[in-house]
Amino acid sequence: MDREQKLARYGRIREQLSGLLGRTSDRQARMATIAALLYHKFDHYFWCGFYRLLDGDLVVGPYQGPLACQVLARERGVCWAALQRRETVIVPDVRLFPGHIACDSRSLSEIVVPVRDASGAIVAVLDVDSDKTEQFDDLDRRGLEAVVALLAH
């Protein structure tokens, strides 16, 4: 998929989600809708879902794909890095990321986007994995950040 196609797809997804997410204020239902739509719209998504910040732990939330780690080891991995840095983290090859948590050894690249509530506090992360290296770029970052921003409303 070229750059223009990717930008257009993220735009259509965000537009579709804007309509769908207005039907409920329940964050988990909204996360489930986002994970399902994203997972089925991109062929290179191997796993797509959320880890919620609950009592200081990152606990799996709604997702699509193979089984996930239920609770991520604290202070390790890409999800915790995004949380600590308070910004999106793109990892072209997870085998080169110090402390990577391999919930599934087939995952080879990853992007993690912090999810903020209306006050700006991080309440979760969106985690997307691919079974191929170098699958995520700045267009994905911008597209996914726009999608998760819908959860703050």
N, C-alpha and C. Protein backbone atom coordinates (compact mmCIF):
# COMPACT_ATOMS: atom_id res chain seq x y z
N MET A 1 0.85 -1.17 0.00
CA MET A 1 0.00 0.00 0.00
C MET A 1 0.91 1.24 0.00
N ASP A 2 0.62 2.17 -0.91
CA ASP A 2 1.46 3.37 -0.95
C ASP A 2 0.96 4.41 0.07
N ARG A 3 1.70 5.49 0.17
CA ARG A 3 1.42 6.52 1.18
C ARG A 3 0.01 7.10 1.06
N GLU A 4 -0.38 7.42 -0.16
CA GLU A 4 -1.71 8.02 -0.36
C GLU A 4 -2.82 7.06 0.01
N GLN A 5 -2.66 5.79 -0.34
CA GLN A 5 -3.66 4.78 0.01
C GLN A 5 -3.76 4.63 1.52
N LYS A 6 -2.60 4.61 2.19
CA LYS A 6 -2.60 4.46 3.64
C LYS A 6 -3.27 5.66 4.32
N LEU A 7 -2.92 6.87 3.87
CA LEU A 7 -3.55 8.07 4.43
C LEU A 7 -5.06 8.05 4.23
N ALA A 8 -5.48 7.68 3.03
CA ALA A 8 -6.92 7.63 2.74
C ALA A 8 -7.61 6.58 3.60
N ARG A 9 -6.97 5.43 3.79
CA ARG A 9 -7.59 4.38 4.59
C ARG A 9 -7.76 4.83 6.03
N TYR A 10 -6.71 5.44 6.61
CA TYR A 10 -6.85 5.94 7.99
C TYR A 10 -7.94 7.00 8.08
N GLY A 11 -8.06 7.84 7.07
CA GLY A 11 -9.12 8.85 7.08
C GLY A 11 -10.50 8.22 7.07
N ARG A 12 -10.69 7.21 6.22
CA ARG A 12 -11.98 6.52 6.16
C ARG A 12 -12.28 5.80 7.48
N ILE A 13 -11.26 5.19 8.06
CA ILE A 13 -11.44 4.48 9.33
C ILE A 13 -11.85 5.46 10.42
N ARG A 14 -11.16 6.58 10.50
CA ARG A 14 -11.49 7.57 11.53
C ARG A 14 -12.91 8.09 11.34
N GLU A 15 -13.29 8.33 10.10
CA GLU A 15 -14.66 8.79 9.83
C GLU A 15 -15.68 7.73 10.23
N GLN A 16 -15.43 6.48 9.88
CA GLN A 16 -16.35 5.40 10.24
C GLN A 16 -16.45 5.26 11.76
N LEU A 17 -15.31 5.33 12.43
CA LEU A 17 -15.31 5.20 13.89
C LEU A 17 -16.02 6.37 14.57
N SER A 18 -15.89 7.55 14.00
CA SER A 18 -16.57 8.72 14.59
C SER A 18 -18.06 8.46 14.72
N GLY A 19 -18.64 7.83 13.71
CA GLY A 19 -20.06 7.50 13.77
C GLY A 19 -20.36 6.36 14.72
N LEU A 20 -19.54 5.33 14.67
CA LEU A 20 -19.78 4.15 15.50
C LEU A 20 -19.59 4.42 16.99
N LEU A 21 -18.57 5.19 17.34
CA LEU A 21 -18.25 5.38 18.76
C LEU A 21 -19.22 6.29 19.47
N GLY A 22 -20.03 7.02 18.74
CA GLY A 22 -21.02 7.90 19.35
C GLY A 22 -22.19 7.16 19.96
N ARG A 23 -22.26 5.86 19.75
CA ARG A 23 -23.40 5.09 20.23
C ARG A 23 -23.31 4.71 21.69
N THR A 24 -22.10 4.81 22.27
CA THR A 24 -21.94 4.49 23.69
C THR A 24 -20.77 5.28 24.25
N SER A 25 -20.82 5.54 25.54
CA SER A 25 -19.69 6.20 26.20
C SER A 25 -18.80 5.17 26.91
N ASP A 26 -19.17 3.89 26.85
CA ASP A 26 -18.39 2.84 27.51
C ASP A 26 -17.05 2.67 26.81
N ARG A 27 -15.97 2.95 27.53
CA ARG A 27 -14.64 2.92 26.93
C ARG A 27 -14.27 1.53 26.40
N GLN A 28 -14.62 0.48 27.12
CA GLN A 28 -14.26 -0.87 26.66
C GLN A 28 -14.99 -1.23 25.37
N ALA A 29 -16.24 -0.87 25.27
CA ALA A 29 -16.99 -1.13 24.04
C ALA A 29 -16.38 -0.36 22.87
N ARG A 30 -15.97 0.86 23.14
CA ARG A 30 -15.35 1.69 22.11
C ARG A 30 -14.00 1.11 21.69
N MET A 31 -13.22 0.64 22.67
CA MET A 31 -11.94 0.00 22.37
C MET A 31 -12.15 -1.26 21.54
N ALA A 32 -13.14 -2.05 21.87
CA ALA A 32 -13.42 -3.28 21.13
C ALA A 32 -13.76 -2.96 19.67
N THR A 33 -14.52 -1.91 19.46
CA THR A 33 -14.89 -1.51 18.10
C THR A 33 -13.66 -1.06 17.32
N ILE A 34 -12.81 -0.27 17.95
CA ILE A 34 -11.58 0.20 17.30
C ILE A 34 -10.68 -0.98 16.94
N ALA A 35 -10.44 -1.88 17.89
CA ALA A 35 -9.55 -3.02 17.64
C ALA A 35 -10.07 -3.88 16.49
N ALA A 36 -11.37 -4.15 16.49
CA ALA A 36 -11.95 -4.99 15.44
C ALA A 36 -11.83 -4.33 14.07
N LEU A 37 -12.17 -3.06 14.00
CA LEU A 37 -12.14 -2.38 12.70
C LEU A 37 -10.71 -2.29 12.17
N LEU A 38 -9.78 -1.86 13.00
CA LEU A 38 -8.39 -1.76 12.55
C LEU A 38 -7.84 -3.11 12.10
N TYR A 39 -8.07 -4.12 12.89
CA TYR A 39 -7.54 -5.46 12.60
C TYR A 39 -8.01 -5.97 11.23
N HIS A 40 -9.24 -5.68 10.91
CA HIS A 40 -9.81 -6.20 9.66
C HIS A 40 -9.57 -5.29 8.46
N LYS A 41 -9.05 -4.09 8.69
CA LYS A 41 -8.81 -3.17 7.57
C LYS A 41 -7.36 -3.17 7.08
N PHE A 42 -6.44 -3.76 7.86
CA PHE A 42 -5.04 -3.77 7.47
C PHE A 42 -4.52 -5.21 7.45
N ASP A 43 -4.07 -5.66 6.30
CA ASP A 43 -3.59 -7.04 6.15
C ASP A 43 -2.34 -7.32 6.97
N HIS A 44 -1.52 -6.32 7.23
CA HIS A 44 -0.27 -6.55 7.95
C HIS A 44 -0.43 -6.51 9.48
N TYR A 45 -1.64 -6.30 9.97
CA TYR A 45 -1.87 -6.34 11.42
C TYR A 45 -2.01 -7.80 11.85
N PHE A 46 -1.09 -8.24 12.70
CA PHE A 46 -1.11 -9.61 13.23
C PHE A 46 -1.88 -9.65 14.56
N TRP A 47 -1.75 -8.58 15.33
CA TRP A 47 -2.44 -8.44 16.61
C TRP A 47 -2.75 -6.97 16.78
N CYS A 48 -3.94 -6.66 17.27
CA CYS A 48 -4.34 -5.28 17.46
C CYS A 48 -5.24 -5.20 18.68
N GLY A 49 -4.83 -4.43 19.67
CA GLY A 49 -5.67 -4.31 20.85
C GLY A 49 -5.13 -3.32 21.86
N PHE A 50 -5.75 -3.35 23.00
CA PHE A 50 -5.47 -2.38 24.05
C PHE A 50 -4.95 -3.07 25.30
N TYR A 51 -4.05 -2.38 25.98
CA TYR A 51 -3.67 -2.72 27.34
C TYR A 51 -4.09 -1.53 28.19
N ARG A 52 -4.94 -1.83 29.19
CA ARG A 52 -5.47 -0.78 30.07
C ARG A 52 -4.59 -0.63 31.30
N LEU A 53 -4.39 0.58 31.74
CA LEU A 53 -3.62 0.86 32.95
C LEU A 53 -4.57 0.74 34.14
N LEU A 54 -4.41 -0.34 34.91
CA LEU A 54 -5.27 -0.62 36.05
C LEU A 54 -4.41 -0.89 37.28
N ASP A 55 -4.55 -0.05 38.29
CA ASP A 55 -3.81 -0.21 39.54
C ASP A 55 -2.31 -0.39 39.31
N GLY A 56 -1.76 0.37 38.37
CA GLY A 56 -0.33 0.33 38.10
C GLY A 56 0.13 -0.80 37.20
N ASP A 57 -0.80 -1.59 36.68
CA ASP A 57 -0.46 -2.68 35.76
C ASP A 57 -1.05 -2.38 34.39
N LEU A 58 -0.41 -2.95 33.36
CA LEU A 58 -0.99 -2.93 32.02
C LEU A 58 -1.68 -4.27 31.81
N VAL A 59 -3.01 -4.23 31.78
CA VAL A 59 -3.86 -5.41 31.71
C VAL A 59 -4.53 -5.44 30.34
N VAL A 60 -4.54 -6.61 29.71
CA VAL A 60 -5.11 -6.71 28.37
C VAL A 60 -6.58 -6.29 28.37
N GLY A 61 -6.92 -5.57 27.32
CA GLY A 61 -8.30 -5.15 27.11
C GLY A 61 -8.79 -5.76 25.81
N PRO A 62 -9.75 -5.14 25.18
CA PRO A 62 -10.27 -5.68 23.93
C PRO A 62 -9.17 -5.78 22.88
N TYR A 63 -9.17 -6.92 22.16
CA TYR A 63 -8.17 -7.12 21.11
C TYR A 63 -8.66 -8.09 20.06
N GLN A 64 -7.91 -8.14 18.96
CA GLN A 64 -8.14 -9.07 17.86
C GLN A 64 -6.80 -9.74 17.56
N GLY A 65 -6.82 -11.04 17.33
CA GLY A 65 -5.60 -11.76 17.00
C GLY A 65 -5.37 -12.91 17.96
N PRO A 66 -4.16 -13.49 17.93
CA PRO A 66 -3.87 -14.62 18.80
C PRO A 66 -3.86 -14.21 20.28
N LEU A 67 -3.82 -15.21 21.14
CA LEU A 67 -3.82 -14.95 22.58
C LEU A 67 -2.77 -13.94 22.98
N ALA A 68 -3.10 -13.15 23.98
CA ALA A 68 -2.22 -12.08 24.45
C ALA A 68 -1.77 -12.35 25.87
N CYS A 69 -0.71 -11.68 26.28
CA CYS A 69 -0.32 -11.68 27.68
C CYS A 69 -1.44 -10.96 28.45
N GLN A 70 -1.87 -11.53 29.56
CA GLN A 70 -2.96 -10.90 30.31
C GLN A 70 -2.49 -9.67 31.06
N VAL A 71 -1.32 -9.75 31.69
CA VAL A 71 -0.73 -8.62 32.40
C VAL A 71 0.72 -8.53 31.96
N LEU A 72 1.14 -7.35 31.51
CA LEU A 72 2.51 -7.19 31.05
C LEU A 72 3.46 -6.97 32.22
N ALA A 73 4.62 -7.59 32.16
CA ALA A 73 5.64 -7.38 33.19
C ALA A 73 5.92 -5.88 33.29
N ARG A 74 5.98 -5.39 34.51
CA ARG A 74 6.15 -3.96 34.74
C ARG A 74 7.50 -3.45 34.24
N GLU A 75 7.41 -2.24 33.66
CA GLU A 75 8.60 -1.49 33.26
C GLU A 75 9.42 -2.14 32.16
N ARG A 76 8.83 -3.08 31.41
CA ARG A 76 9.52 -3.74 30.30
C ARG A 76 8.67 -3.67 29.05
N GLY A 77 9.30 -3.76 27.91
CA GLY A 77 8.58 -3.88 26.66
C GLY A 77 8.16 -2.56 26.05
N VAL A 78 7.60 -2.67 24.86
CA VAL A 78 7.22 -1.50 24.07
C VAL A 78 6.03 -0.76 24.68
N CYS A 79 5.07 -1.49 25.21
CA CYS A 79 3.90 -0.83 25.81
C CYS A 79 4.30 0.04 26.99
N TRP A 80 5.15 -0.48 27.86
CA TRP A 80 5.62 0.32 28.99
C TRP A 80 6.48 1.49 28.52
N ALA A 81 7.28 1.28 27.47
CA ALA A 81 8.10 2.38 26.93
C ALA A 81 7.21 3.53 26.46
N ALA A 82 6.12 3.22 25.76
CA ALA A 82 5.20 4.26 25.30
C ALA A 82 4.56 4.97 26.48
N LEU A 83 4.22 4.22 27.49
CA LEU A 83 3.62 4.79 28.70
C LEU A 83 4.62 5.72 29.41
N GLN A 84 5.83 5.26 29.59
CA GLN A 84 6.85 6.04 30.29
C GLN A 84 7.27 7.28 29.50
N ARG A 85 7.39 7.14 28.19
CA ARG A 85 7.79 8.28 27.34
C ARG A 85 6.63 9.22 27.06
N ARG A 86 5.41 8.71 27.28
CA ARG A 86 4.19 9.48 27.03
C ARG A 86 4.05 9.85 25.55
N GLU A 87 4.52 8.92 24.68
CA GLU A 87 4.45 9.15 23.24
C GLU A 87 4.42 7.82 22.50
N THR A 88 4.03 7.88 21.25
CA THR A 88 3.99 6.69 20.40
C THR A 88 5.40 6.14 20.19
N VAL A 89 5.50 4.82 20.24
CA VAL A 89 6.78 4.14 19.99
C VAL A 89 6.60 3.20 18.81
N ILE A 90 7.48 3.33 17.84
CA ILE A 90 7.50 2.45 16.66
C ILE A 90 8.76 1.61 16.74
N VAL A 91 8.58 0.29 16.62
CA VAL A 91 9.72 -0.63 16.68
C VAL A 91 9.75 -1.44 15.38
N PRO A 92 10.72 -1.15 14.50
CA PRO A 92 10.80 -1.86 13.22
C PRO A 92 11.09 -3.36 13.35
N ASP A 93 11.87 -3.74 14.37
CA ASP A 93 12.21 -5.14 14.61
C ASP A 93 12.26 -5.37 16.12
N VAL A 94 11.25 -6.03 16.65
CA VAL A 94 11.15 -6.20 18.11
C VAL A 94 12.30 -7.01 18.69
N ARG A 95 12.95 -7.82 17.86
CA ARG A 95 14.08 -8.61 18.35
C ARG A 95 15.25 -7.73 18.75
N LEU A 96 15.25 -6.48 18.30
CA LEU A 96 16.32 -5.54 18.62
C LEU A 96 15.93 -4.57 19.73
N PHE A 97 14.72 -4.71 20.26
CA PHE A 97 14.24 -3.80 21.31
C PHE A 97 14.56 -4.39 22.68
N PRO A 98 15.42 -3.73 23.46
CA PRO A 98 15.78 -4.26 24.78
C PRO A 98 14.56 -4.44 25.68
N GLY A 99 14.40 -5.62 26.26
CA GLY A 99 13.30 -5.89 27.17
C GLY A 99 11.98 -6.19 26.50
N HIS A 100 11.99 -6.43 25.19
CA HIS A 100 10.74 -6.72 24.49
C HIS A 100 10.03 -7.90 25.14
N ILE A 101 8.72 -7.78 25.29
CA ILE A 101 7.90 -8.86 25.84
C ILE A 101 7.26 -9.58 24.66
N ALA A 102 7.60 -10.83 24.49
CA ALA A 102 7.08 -11.61 23.36
C ALA A 102 5.88 -12.43 23.80
N CYS A 103 4.69 -11.85 23.66
CA CYS A 103 3.48 -12.61 23.95
C CYS A 103 3.28 -13.68 22.89
N ASP A 104 3.75 -13.41 21.67
CA ASP A 104 3.70 -14.37 20.58
C ASP A 104 4.98 -14.18 19.77
N SER A 105 5.76 -15.22 19.62
CA SER A 105 7.06 -15.11 18.96
C SER A 105 6.95 -14.76 17.48
N ARG A 106 5.76 -14.84 16.91
CA ARG A 106 5.58 -14.49 15.50
C ARG A 106 5.54 -12.98 15.29
N SER A 107 5.36 -12.22 16.35
CA SER A 107 5.33 -10.76 16.25
C SER A 107 6.74 -10.25 15.99
N LEU A 108 6.91 -9.45 14.91
CA LEU A 108 8.24 -8.97 14.54
C LEU A 108 8.38 -7.46 14.52
N SER A 109 7.29 -6.72 14.36
CA SER A 109 7.36 -5.26 14.45
C SER A 109 6.12 -4.78 15.20
N GLU A 110 6.22 -3.54 15.71
CA GLU A 110 5.17 -3.10 16.63
C GLU A 110 5.08 -1.57 16.65
N ILE A 111 3.87 -1.10 16.91
CA ILE A 111 3.64 0.31 17.20
C ILE A 111 2.72 0.37 18.40
N VAL A 112 3.03 1.25 19.34
CA VAL A 112 2.21 1.41 20.55
C VAL A 112 1.89 2.89 20.73
N VAL A 113 0.60 3.18 20.90
CA VAL A 113 0.10 4.55 20.99
C VAL A 113 -0.56 4.76 22.35
N PRO A 114 -0.12 5.75 23.13
CA PRO A 114 -0.82 6.04 24.40
C PRO A 114 -2.25 6.50 24.16
N VAL A 115 -3.14 6.09 25.05
CA VAL A 115 -4.55 6.48 25.00
C VAL A 115 -4.81 7.38 26.20
N ARG A 116 -5.31 8.56 25.91
CA ARG A 116 -5.57 9.54 26.97
C ARG A 116 -7.07 9.73 27.17
N ASP A 117 -7.43 10.06 28.42
CA ASP A 117 -8.83 10.40 28.69
C ASP A 117 -9.03 11.89 28.43
N ALA A 118 -10.19 12.40 28.73
CA ALA A 118 -10.52 13.80 28.44
C ALA A 118 -9.61 14.78 29.18
N SER A 119 -9.05 14.37 30.32
CA SER A 119 -8.16 15.25 31.08
C SER A 119 -6.71 15.18 30.61
N GLY A 120 -6.41 14.25 29.67
CA GLY A 120 -5.06 14.10 29.17
C GLY A 120 -4.25 13.02 29.86
N ALA A 121 -4.82 12.38 30.88
CA ALA A 121 -4.13 11.31 31.58
C ALA A 121 -4.11 10.05 30.72
N ILE A 122 -2.98 9.34 30.71
CA ILE A 122 -2.90 8.09 29.96
C ILE A 122 -3.63 7.00 30.74
N VAL A 123 -4.58 6.35 30.05
CA VAL A 123 -5.40 5.31 30.69
C VAL A 123 -5.19 3.94 30.06
N ALA A 124 -4.51 3.91 28.91
CA ALA A 124 -4.30 2.66 28.18
C ALA A 124 -3.28 2.91 27.08
N VAL A 125 -2.96 1.84 26.37
CA VAL A 125 -2.17 1.96 25.15
C VAL A 125 -2.83 1.10 24.07
N LEU A 126 -2.76 1.56 22.84
CA LEU A 126 -3.14 0.75 21.69
C LEU A 126 -1.86 0.09 21.20
N ASP A 127 -1.88 -1.22 21.08
CA ASP A 127 -0.71 -2.00 20.67
C ASP A 127 -1.06 -2.71 19.37
N VAL A 128 -0.24 -2.50 18.34
CA VAL A 128 -0.45 -3.16 17.06
C VAL A 128 0.85 -3.87 16.69
N ASP A 129 0.74 -5.17 16.38
CA ASP A 129 1.89 -5.98 16.00
C ASP A 129 1.72 -6.49 14.58
N SER A 130 2.85 -6.72 13.93
CA SER A 130 2.86 -7.38 12.63
C SER A 130 3.80 -8.57 12.68
N ASP A 131 3.53 -9.56 11.85
CA ASP A 131 4.42 -10.72 11.79
C ASP A 131 5.51 -10.52 10.73
N LYS A 132 5.68 -9.27 10.31
CA LYS A 132 6.76 -8.88 9.40
C LYS A 132 7.50 -7.70 10.01
N THR A 133 8.78 -7.57 9.73
CA THR A 133 9.54 -6.43 10.23
C THR A 133 9.21 -5.17 9.43
N GLU A 134 9.49 -4.02 10.04
CA GLU A 134 9.39 -2.71 9.40
C GLU A 134 8.03 -2.44 8.76
N GLN A 135 6.98 -2.69 9.50
CA GLN A 135 5.62 -2.51 8.96
C GLN A 135 4.95 -1.21 9.37
N PHE A 136 5.55 -0.45 10.29
CA PHE A 136 4.89 0.75 10.80
C PHE A 136 5.79 1.96 10.61
N ASP A 137 5.17 3.08 10.28
CA ASP A 137 5.93 4.30 10.02
C ASP A 137 5.18 5.50 10.59
N ASP A 138 5.65 6.70 10.23
CA ASP A 138 5.05 7.91 10.76
C ASP A 138 3.59 8.09 10.31
N LEU A 139 3.24 7.58 9.14
CA LEU A 139 1.84 7.65 8.70
C LEU A 139 0.95 6.82 9.62
N ASP A 140 1.45 5.65 10.03
CA ASP A 140 0.69 4.83 10.99
C ASP A 140 0.58 5.56 12.32
N ARG A 141 1.67 6.18 12.74
CA ARG A 141 1.65 6.92 14.01
C ARG A 141 0.56 7.99 13.96
N ARG A 142 0.57 8.80 12.93
CA ARG A 142 -0.41 9.87 12.83
C ARG A 142 -1.84 9.32 12.71
N GLY A 143 -2.00 8.27 11.91
CA GLY A 143 -3.33 7.68 11.74
C GLY A 143 -3.87 7.08 13.02
N LEU A 144 -3.02 6.34 13.72
CA LEU A 144 -3.46 5.69 14.96
C LEU A 144 -3.65 6.69 16.10
N GLU A 145 -2.82 7.71 16.14
CA GLU A 145 -3.02 8.75 17.16
C GLU A 145 -4.36 9.45 16.96
N ALA A 146 -4.74 9.68 15.71
CA ALA A 146 -6.05 10.30 15.43
C ALA A 146 -7.19 9.36 15.83
N VAL A 147 -6.99 8.07 15.62
CA VAL A 147 -8.03 7.10 16.00
C VAL A 147 -8.17 7.05 17.51
N VAL A 148 -7.09 6.92 18.26
CA VAL A 148 -7.22 6.80 19.72
C VAL A 148 -7.70 8.10 20.34
N ALA A 149 -7.48 9.22 19.67
CA ALA A 149 -7.99 10.50 20.20
C ALA A 149 -9.50 10.49 20.30
N LEU A 150 -10.16 9.65 19.51
CA LEU A 150 -11.62 9.53 19.58
C LEU A 150 -12.08 8.98 20.94
N LEU A 151 -11.21 8.26 21.64
CA LEU A 151 -11.57 7.72 22.94
C LEU A 151 -11.64 8.76 24.04
N ALA A 152 -11.03 9.92 23.82
CA ALA A 152 -11.02 10.97 24.84
C ALA A 152 -12.35 11.69 24.94
N HIS A 153 -13.21 11.52 23.96
CA HIS A 153 -14.50 12.26 23.95
C HIS A 153 -15.57 11.49 24.64
